[in-house]
Amino acid sequence: MGLCKISSSLAVGLMGLALAHISYAQNSPQDFLDAHNAARAEVGVESMTWDNTVAAYAEKYASLRIDDCLLQDSGGPYGENIAQGSPSLTGTDAVNLWVGEKPNYDYNSDSCVGGECLHYTQVIWRNSLRLGCARAQCNSGGWFVTCNYDPPGNNPGEHPFPENSNSSHSCIVAIY
């Protein structure tokens, strides 16, 4: 009987560790990188690398937002994407929200058409090669996620990626 209680307690503990790992699995530096680099690969730009200095900046800013969870730009030296969600928002969820703006970006006019797209263009910005992200639980119970990019993107008059990349922007092919 004592062995069964120990076994069930051990099983519950292991399940808790497994769940903790699952929730962390979408918030690790590699998960942030994988989500960003998958979107970047679609348009043929170089993968990003994790930068601890940029990540420290993101962590500091995320910790400042725990009282209000406001989507307010930090005004810092890096490019930035921020998201907030309740009851839970993983890092991967946040990147997927930003990448979800892809249909709103029109390469030919280099503009957003039909909605927001500047979060997406920052994710895929060809010259933004160093990434740092952080996630913090707000006092309200929601989650605040920020990613910072070095160097920053979304430079006026510049496309986020070269036209001859592997992008799938709109084109019409006629066969006669």
Foldseek 3Di string as FASTA:
>chain_A
DVVVVVVVVVVVVVVVVVVVCVLCVCADPVNLQVLLVVLLVQFAADGAEEDVVQQVVQAVVQVVCQAPLDPDDPPDQWAKDKDKDPLEAHSSNRSCVLCVQVVQAAQVVRDGHPDDHPSNLQSNQRVFRYKHKDKDQHPVNMIMIMMTTPHTDPDPPDGSHDPPTNYPHDDDDDDD
